[in-house]
Amino acid sequence: MHKKLTKSKNKVFLGVCGGIADYLGMDATVIRLIAIVLIACTGFFPLTIIYLVAAAIMPDYHGPAHRDNTVEGEFKEK
């Protein structure tokens, strides 16, 4: 099964850094720190535009790809 790059449910701003972290299998905090450093080093403009474009085109996270339609919980008969 191949991984798909999506926005993360673990959002701080728009979910882009969390989605990249999920895709790469890294901690989201590390990706966010790298993004902040790169945004500051590039003068805010270019990388901020790239981030906003990524937020616009990346699909939202919709859970695991393979759902078996089971419901978990405790059920009582009447």
PDB file of N, CA and C in Angstrom:
ATOM      1  N   MET A   1       0.840  -1.175   0.000  1.00  0.00           N
ATOM      2  CA  MET A   1       0.000   0.000   0.000  1.00  0.00           C
ATOM      3  C   MET A   1       0.890   1.246   0.000  1.00  0.00           C
ATOM      4  N   HIS A   2       0.642   2.161  -0.902  1.00  0.00           N
ATOM      5  CA  HIS A   2       1.443   3.370  -0.934  1.00  0.00           C
ATOM      6  C   HIS A   2       0.798   4.457  -0.082  1.00  0.00           C
ATOM      7  N   LYS A   3       1.648   5.325   0.463  1.00  0.00           N
ATOM      8  CA  LYS A   3       1.156   6.399   1.308  1.00  0.00           C
ATOM      9  C   LYS A   3       0.692   7.560   0.440  1.00  0.00           C
ATOM     10  N   LYS A   4      -0.258   8.308   0.961  1.00  0.00           N
ATOM     11  CA  LYS A   4      -0.772   9.472   0.263  1.00  0.00           C
ATOM     12  C   LYS A   4      -0.520  10.695   1.133  1.00  0.00           C
ATOM     13  N   LEU A   5      -0.041  11.763   0.519  1.00  0.00           N
ATOM     14  CA  LEU A   5       0.229  13.003   1.240  1.00  0.00           C
ATOM     15  C   LEU A   5      -1.076  13.758   1.433  1.00  0.00           C
ATOM     16  N   THR A   6      -1.500  13.888   2.679  1.00  0.00           N
ATOM     17  CA  THR A   6      -2.731  14.597   3.017  1.00  0.00           C
ATOM     18  C   THR A   6      -2.465  15.528   4.186  1.00  0.00           C
ATOM     19  N   LYS A   7      -3.373  16.460   4.411  1.00  0.00           N
ATOM     20  CA  LYS A   7      -3.285  17.288   5.601  1.00  0.00           C
ATOM     21  C   LYS A   7      -3.522  16.410   6.817  1.00  0.00           C
ATOM     22  N   SER A   8      -2.936  16.794   7.923  1.00  0.00           N
ATOM     23  CA  SER A   8      -3.036  15.993   9.140  1.00  0.00           C
ATOM     24  C   SER A   8      -4.215  16.427  10.005  1.00  0.00           C
ATOM     25  N   LYS A   9      -4.710  15.491  10.804  1.00  0.00           N
ATOM     26  CA  LYS A   9      -5.683  15.847  11.830  1.00  0.00           C
ATOM     27  C   LYS A   9      -4.981  16.560  12.974  1.00  0.00           C
ATOM     28  N   ASN A  10      -3.666  16.356  13.092  1.00  0.00           N
ATOM     29  CA  ASN A  10      -2.833  16.985  14.105  1.00  0.00           C
ATOM     30  C   ASN A  10      -2.449  18.383  13.598  1.00  0.00           C
ATOM     31  N   LYS A  11      -3.420  19.303  13.611  1.00  0.00           N
ATOM     32  CA  LYS A  11      -3.225  20.624  13.020  1.00  0.00           C
ATOM     33  C   LYS A  11      -2.801  21.641  14.061  1.00  0.00           C
ATOM     34  N   VAL A  12      -1.908  22.538  13.646  1.00  0.00           N
ATOM     35  CA  VAL A  12      -1.621  23.729  14.425  1.00  0.00           C
ATOM     36  C   VAL A  12      -2.119  24.931  13.641  1.00  0.00           C
ATOM     37  N   PHE A  13      -1.792  24.974  12.351  1.00  0.00           N
ATOM     38  CA  PHE A  13      -2.294  26.067  11.524  1.00  0.00           C
ATOM     39  C   PHE A  13      -3.224  25.522  10.443  1.00  0.00           C
ATOM     40  N   LEU A  14      -2.699  24.867   9.434  1.00  0.00           N
ATOM     41  CA  LEU A  14      -3.546  24.324   8.373  1.00  0.00           C
ATOM     42  C   LEU A  14      -3.353  22.818   8.151  1.00  0.00           C
ATOM     43  N   GLY A  15      -2.448  22.202   8.878  1.00  0.00           N
ATOM     44  CA  GLY A  15      -2.239  20.765   8.775  1.00  0.00           C
ATOM     45  C   GLY A  15      -1.202  20.330   7.771  1.00  0.00           C
ATOM     46  N   VAL A  16      -0.515  21.281   7.122  1.00  0.00           N
ATOM     47  CA  VAL A  16       0.465  20.942   6.097  1.00  0.00           C
ATOM     48  C   VAL A  16       1.692  20.279   6.722  1.00  0.00           C
ATOM     49  N   CYS A  17       2.270  20.897   7.734  1.00  0.00           N
ATOM     50  CA  CYS A  17       3.473  20.334   8.370  1.00  0.00           C
ATOM     51  C   CYS A  17       3.167  18.981   9.022  1.00  0.00           C
ATOM     52  N   GLY A  18       2.013  18.858   9.635  1.00  0.00           N
ATOM     53  CA  GLY A  18       1.620  17.583  10.222  1.00  0.00           C
ATOM     54  C   GLY A  18       1.449  16.505   9.166  1.00  0.00           C
ATOM     55  N   GLY A  19       0.881  16.872   8.028  1.00  0.00           N
ATOM     56  CA  GLY A  19       0.721  15.925   6.927  1.00  0.00           C
ATOM     57  C   GLY A  19       2.051  15.481   6.346  1.00  0.00           C
ATOM     58  N   ILE A  20       2.979  16.420   6.206  1.00  0.00           N
ATOM     59  CA  ILE A  20       4.319  16.075   5.715  1.00  0.00           C
ATOM     60  C   ILE A  20       5.017  15.157   6.713  1.00  0.00           C
ATOM     61  N   ALA A  21       4.865  15.445   8.000  1.00  0.00           N
ATOM     62  CA  ALA A  21       5.470  14.611   9.038  1.00  0.00           C
ATOM     63  C   ALA A  21       4.881  13.204   9.012  1.00  0.00           C
ATOM     64  N   ASP A  22       3.562  13.086   8.847  1.00  0.00           N
ATOM     65  CA  ASP A  22       2.936  11.766   8.757  1.00  0.00           C
ATOM     66  C   ASP A  22       3.462  11.005   7.548  1.00  0.00           C
ATOM     67  N   TYR A  23       3.592  11.686   6.437  1.00  0.00           N
ATOM     68  CA  TYR A  23       4.060  11.065   5.193  1.00  0.00           C
ATOM     69  C   TYR A  23       5.503  10.573   5.323  1.00  0.00           C
ATOM     70  N   LEU A  24       6.344  11.370   5.990  1.00  0.00           N
ATOM     71  CA  LEU A  24       7.756  11.012   6.145  1.00  0.00           C
ATOM     72  C   LEU A  24       8.021  10.132   7.363  1.00  0.00           C
ATOM     73  N   GLY A  25       7.026   9.966   8.219  1.00  0.00           N
ATOM     74  CA  GLY A  25       7.203   9.154   9.423  1.00  0.00           C
ATOM     75  C   GLY A  25       8.044   9.852  10.474  1.00  0.00           C
ATOM     76  N   MET A  26       7.949  11.176  10.527  1.00  0.00           N
ATOM     77  CA  MET A  26       8.732  11.956  11.486  1.00  0.00           C
ATOM     78  C   MET A  26       7.796  12.623  12.489  1.00  0.00           C
ATOM     79  N   ASP A  27       8.401  13.238  13.504  1.00  0.00           N
ATOM     80  CA  ASP A  27       7.637  13.992  14.488  1.00  0.00           C
ATOM     81  C   ASP A  27       7.206  15.320  13.869  1.00  0.00           C
ATOM     82  N   ALA A  28       5.961  15.691  14.055  1.00  0.00           N
ATOM     83  CA  ALA A  28       5.432  16.921  13.464  1.00  0.00           C
ATOM     84  C   ALA A  28       6.135  18.163  13.998  1.00  0.00           C
ATOM     85  N   THR A  29       6.575  18.122  15.247  1.00  0.00           N
ATOM     86  CA  THR A  29       7.258  19.273  15.828  1.00  0.00           C
ATOM     87  C   THR A  29       8.558  19.571  15.097  1.00  0.00           C
ATOM     88  N   VAL A  30       9.280  18.543  14.703  1.00  0.00           N
ATOM     89  CA  VAL A  30      10.534  18.731  13.966  1.00  0.00           C
ATOM     90  C   VAL A  30      10.256  19.398  12.621  1.00  0.00           C
ATOM     91  N   ILE A  31       9.245  18.930  11.914  1.00  0.00           N
ATOM     92  CA  ILE A  31       8.895  19.519  10.620  1.00  0.00           C
ATOM     93  C   ILE A  31       8.454  20.965  10.799  1.00  0.00           C
ATOM     94  N   ARG A  32       7.687  21.245  11.839  1.00  0.00           N
ATOM     95  CA  ARG A  32       7.240  22.619  12.087  1.00  0.00           C
ATOM     96  C   ARG A  32       8.419  23.542  12.389  1.00  0.00           C
ATOM     97  N   LEU A  33       9.382  23.058  13.176  1.00  0.00           N
ATOM     98  CA  LEU A  33      10.565  23.872  13.472  1.00  0.00           C
ATOM     99  C   LEU A  33      11.385  24.130  12.215  1.00  0.00           C
ATOM    100  N   ILE A  34      11.549  23.112  11.382  1.00  0.00           N
ATOM    101  CA  ILE A  34      12.273  23.284  10.112  1.00  0.00           C
ATOM    102  C   ILE A  34      11.551  24.309   9.244  1.00  0.00           C
ATOM    103  N   ALA A  35      10.235  24.230   9.186  1.00  0.00           N
ATOM    104  CA  ALA A  35       9.455  25.169   8.379  1.00  0.00           C
ATOM    105  C   ALA A  35       9.612  26.594   8.895  1.00  0.00           C
ATOM    106  N   ILE A  36       9.575  26.777  10.201  1.00  0.00           N
ATOM    107  CA  ILE A  36       9.727  28.124  10.778  1.00  0.00           C
ATOM    108  C   ILE A  36      11.098  28.693  10.456  1.00  0.00           C
ATOM    109  N   VAL A  37      12.135  27.877  10.590  1.00  0.00           N
ATOM    110  CA  VAL A  37      13.492  28.345  10.283  1.00  0.00           C
ATOM    111  C   VAL A  37      13.606  28.702   8.801  1.00  0.00           C
ATOM    112  N   LEU A  38      13.084  27.856   7.924  1.00  0.00           N
ATOM    113  CA  LEU A  38      13.154  28.141   6.490  1.00  0.00           C
ATOM    114  C   LEU A  38      12.345  29.373   6.110  1.00  0.00           C
ATOM    115  N   ILE A  39      11.184  29.555   6.720  1.00  0.00           N
ATOM    116  CA  ILE A  39      10.379  30.746   6.437  1.00  0.00           C
ATOM    117  C   ILE A  39      11.130  32.001   6.893  1.00  0.00           C
ATOM    118  N   ALA A  40      11.757  31.957   8.054  1.00  0.00           N
ATOM    119  CA  ALA A  40      12.509  33.110   8.544  1.00  0.00           C
ATOM    120  C   ALA A  40      13.734  33.388   7.676  1.00  0.00           C
ATOM    121  N   CYS A  41      14.401  32.342   7.193  1.00  0.00           N
ATOM    122  CA  CYS A  41      15.614  32.521   6.383  1.00  0.00           C
ATOM    123  C   CYS A  41      15.323  32.992   4.961  1.00  0.00           C
ATOM    124  N   THR A  42      14.126  32.725   4.451  1.00  0.00           N
ATOM    125  CA  THR A  42      13.812  33.130   3.086  1.00  0.00           C
ATOM    126  C   THR A  42      13.102  34.478   3.041  1.00  0.00           C
ATOM    127  N   GLY A  43      13.003  35.146   4.164  1.00  0.00           N
ATOM    128  CA  GLY A  43      12.380  36.454   4.175  1.00  0.00           C
ATOM    129  C   GLY A  43      10.871  36.390   4.194  1.00  0.00           C
ATOM    130  N   PHE A  44      10.307  35.315   4.673  1.00  0.00           N
ATOM    131  CA  PHE A  44       8.868  35.104   4.873  1.00  0.00           C
ATOM    132  C   PHE A  44       8.067  34.942   3.589  1.00  0.00           C
ATOM    133  N   PHE A  45       8.396  35.626   2.528  1.00  0.00           N
ATOM    134  CA  PHE A  45       7.519  35.641   1.366  1.00  0.00           C
ATOM    135  C   PHE A  45       7.490  34.332   0.568  1.00  0.00           C
ATOM    136  N   PRO A  46       8.613  33.822   0.033  1.00  0.00           N
ATOM    137  CA  PRO A  46       8.492  32.663  -0.878  1.00  0.00           C
ATOM    138  C   PRO A  46       7.939  31.404  -0.213  1.00  0.00           C
ATOM    139  N   LEU A  47       8.470  31.046   0.939  1.00  0.00           N
ATOM    140  CA  LEU A  47       8.034  29.805   1.575  1.00  0.00           C
ATOM    141  C   LEU A  47       6.623  29.923   2.152  1.00  0.00           C
ATOM    142  N   THR A  48       6.234  31.112   2.544  1.00  0.00           N
ATOM    143  CA  THR A  48       4.870  31.307   3.023  1.00  0.00           C
ATOM    144  C   THR A  48       3.865  31.083   1.900  1.00  0.00           C
ATOM    145  N   ILE A  49       4.187  31.568   0.705  1.00  0.00           N
ATOM    146  CA  ILE A  49       3.314  31.354  -0.453  1.00  0.00           C
ATOM    147  C   ILE A  49       3.254  29.862  -0.787  1.00  0.00           C
ATOM    148  N   ILE A  50       4.389  29.171  -0.745  1.00  0.00           N
ATOM    149  CA  ILE A  50       4.421  27.729  -1.016  1.00  0.00           C
ATOM    150  C   ILE A  50       3.574  26.982   0.008  1.00  0.00           C
ATOM    151  N   TYR A  51       3.669  27.376   1.279  1.00  0.00           N
ATOM    152  CA  TYR A  51       2.882  26.745   2.344  1.00  0.00           C
ATOM    153  C   TYR A  51       1.383  26.928   2.093  1.00  0.00           C
ATOM    154  N   LEU A  52       0.979  28.136   1.733  1.00  0.00           N
ATOM    155  CA  LEU A  52      -0.442  28.409   1.498  1.00  0.00           C
ATOM    156  C   LEU A  52      -0.959  27.666   0.261  1.00  0.00           C
ATOM    157  N   VAL A  53      -0.126  27.551  -0.770  1.00  0.00           N
ATOM    158  CA  VAL A  53      -0.513  26.785  -1.962  1.00  0.00           C
ATOM    159  C   VAL A  53      -0.657  25.309  -1.599  1.00  0.00           C
ATOM    160  N   ALA A  54       0.284  24.786  -0.800  1.00  0.00           N
ATOM    161  CA  ALA A  54       0.200  23.388  -0.365  1.00  0.00           C
ATOM    162  C   ALA A  54      -1.068  23.157   0.448  1.00  0.00           C
ATOM    163  N   ALA A  55      -1.416  24.112   1.293  1.00  0.00           N
ATOM    164  CA  ALA A  55      -2.636  23.985   2.095  1.00  0.00           C
ATOM    165  C   ALA A  55      -3.877  23.980   1.211  1.00  0.00           C
ATOM    166  N   ALA A  56      -3.816  24.692   0.106  1.00  0.00           N
ATOM    167  CA  ALA A  56      -4.965  24.758  -0.789  1.00  0.00           C
ATOM    168  C   ALA A  56      -5.128  23.496  -1.633  1.00  0.00           C
ATOM    169  N   ILE A  57      -4.014  22.849  -2.009  1.00  0.00           N
ATOM    170  CA  ILE A  57      -4.120  21.709  -2.920  1.00  0.00           C
ATOM    171  C   ILE A  57      -4.049  20.346  -2.233  1.00  0.00           C
ATOM    172  N   MET A  58      -3.534  20.290  -1.001  1.00  0.00           N
ATOM    173  CA  MET A  58      -3.463  19.002  -0.301  1.00  0.00           C
ATOM    174  C   MET A  58      -4.852  18.587   0.163  1.00  0.00           C
ATOM    175  N   PRO A  59      -5.239  17.329  -0.071  1.00  0.00           N
ATOM    176  CA  PRO A  59      -6.556  16.883   0.409  1.00  0.00           C
ATOM    177  C   PRO A  59      -6.562  16.719   1.923  1.00  0.00           C
ATOM    178  N   ASP A  60      -7.741  16.831   2.511  1.00  0.00           N
ATOM    179  CA  ASP A  60      -7.894  16.637   3.948  1.00  0.00           C
ATOM    180  C   ASP A  60      -7.734  15.164   4.297  1.00  0.00           C
ATOM    181  N   TYR A  61      -7.353  14.912   5.533  1.00  0.00           N
ATOM    182  CA  TYR A  61      -7.224  13.553   6.047  1.00  0.00           C
ATOM    183  C   TYR A  61      -8.619  12.985   6.288  1.00  0.00           C
ATOM    184  N   HIS A  62      -8.864  11.779   5.782  1.00  0.00           N
ATOM    185  CA  HIS A  62     -10.175  11.149   5.968  1.00  0.00           C
ATOM    186  C   HIS A  62     -10.078   9.799   6.659  1.00  0.00           C
ATOM    187  N   GLY A  63      -9.053   9.585   7.434  1.00  0.00           N
ATOM    188  CA  GLY A  63      -8.922   8.344   8.182  1.00  0.00           C
ATOM    189  C   GLY A  63      -8.235   7.253   7.390  1.00  0.00           C
ATOM    190  N   PRO A  64      -8.149   6.068   7.965  1.00  0.00           N
ATOM    191  CA  PRO A  64      -7.492   4.948   7.286  1.00  0.00           C
ATOM    192  C   PRO A  64      -8.170   4.622   5.959  1.00  0.00           C
ATOM    193  N   ALA A  65      -7.380   4.176   5.008  1.00  0.00           N
ATOM    194  CA  ALA A  65      -7.898   3.883   3.669  1.00  0.00           C
ATOM    195  C   ALA A  65      -8.811   2.663   3.670  1.00  0.00           C
ATOM    196  N   HIS A  66      -8.536   1.707   4.547  1.00  0.00           N
ATOM    197  CA  HIS A  66      -9.317   0.474   4.555  1.00  0.00           C
ATOM    198  C   HIS A  66     -10.168   0.411   5.815  1.00  0.00           C
ATOM    199  N   ARG A  67     -11.414   0.755   5.693  1.00  0.00           N
ATOM    200  CA  ARG A  67     -12.341   0.655   6.819  1.00  0.00           C
ATOM    201  C   ARG A  67     -13.178  -0.593   6.640  1.00  0.00           C
ATOM    202  N   ASP A  68     -13.438  -1.281   7.723  1.00  0.00           N
ATOM    203  CA  ASP A  68     -14.228  -2.501   7.627  1.00  0.00           C
ATOM    204  C   ASP A  68     -15.664  -2.288   8.109  1.00  0.00           C
ATOM    205  N   ASN A  69     -16.060  -1.052   8.320  1.00  0.00           N
ATOM    206  CA  ASN A  69     -17.422  -0.680   8.712  1.00  0.00           C
ATOM    207  C   ASN A  69     -17.887  -1.344  10.007  1.00  0.00           C
ATOM    208  N   THR A  70     -16.976  -1.588  10.927  1.00  0.00           N
ATOM    209  CA  THR A  70     -17.364  -2.117  12.228  1.00  0.00           C
ATOM    210  C   THR A  70     -17.506  -0.968  13.209  1.00  0.00           C
ATOM    211  N   VAL A  71     -18.373  -1.163  14.172  1.00  0.00           N
ATOM    212  CA  VAL A  71     -18.600  -0.159  15.197  1.00  0.00           C
ATOM    213  C   VAL A  71     -18.089  -0.728  16.505  1.00  0.00           C
ATOM    214  N   GLU A  72     -17.238   0.038  17.180  1.00  0.00           N
ATOM    215  CA  GLU A  72     -16.716  -0.410  18.456  1.00  0.00           C
ATOM    216  C   GLU A  72     -17.543   0.181  19.577  1.00  0.00           C
ATOM    217  N   GLY A  73     -17.668  -0.544  20.649  1.00  0.00           N
ATOM    218  CA  GLY A  73     -18.392  -0.026  21.799  1.00  0.00           C
ATOM    219  C   GLY A  73     -19.110  -1.139  22.526  1.00  0.00           C
ATOM    220  N   GLU A  74     -19.864  -0.749  23.515  1.00  0.00           N
ATOM    221  CA  GLU A  74     -20.587  -1.704  24.319  1.00  0.00           C
ATOM    222  C   GLU A  74     -22.072  -1.586  23.999  1.00  0.00           C
ATOM    223  N   PHE A  75     -22.697  -2.697  23.678  1.00  0.00           N
ATOM    224  CA  PHE A  75     -24.097  -2.694  23.289  1.00  0.00           C
ATOM    225  C   PHE A  75     -24.900  -3.547  24.262  1.00  0.00           C
ATOM    226  N   LYS A  76     -26.070  -3.047  24.598  1.00  0.00           N
ATOM    227  CA  LYS A  76     -26.938  -3.764  25.518  1.00  0.00           C
ATOM    228  C   LYS A  76     -28.258  -4.045  24.819  1.00  0.00           C
ATOM    229  N   GLU A  77     -28.794  -5.236  25.066  1.00  0.00           N
ATOM    230  CA  GLU A  77     -30.096  -5.574  24.506  1.00  0.00           C
ATOM    231  C   GLU A  77     -31.211  -5.044  25.399  1.00  0.00           C
ATOM    232  N   LYS A  78     -32.321  -4.685  24.808  1.00  0.00           N
ATOM    233  CA  LYS A  78     -33.475  -4.197  25.574  1.00  0.00           C
ATOM    234  C   LYS A  78     -34.427  -5.309  25.870  1.00  0.00           C
TER     235      LYS A  78
END
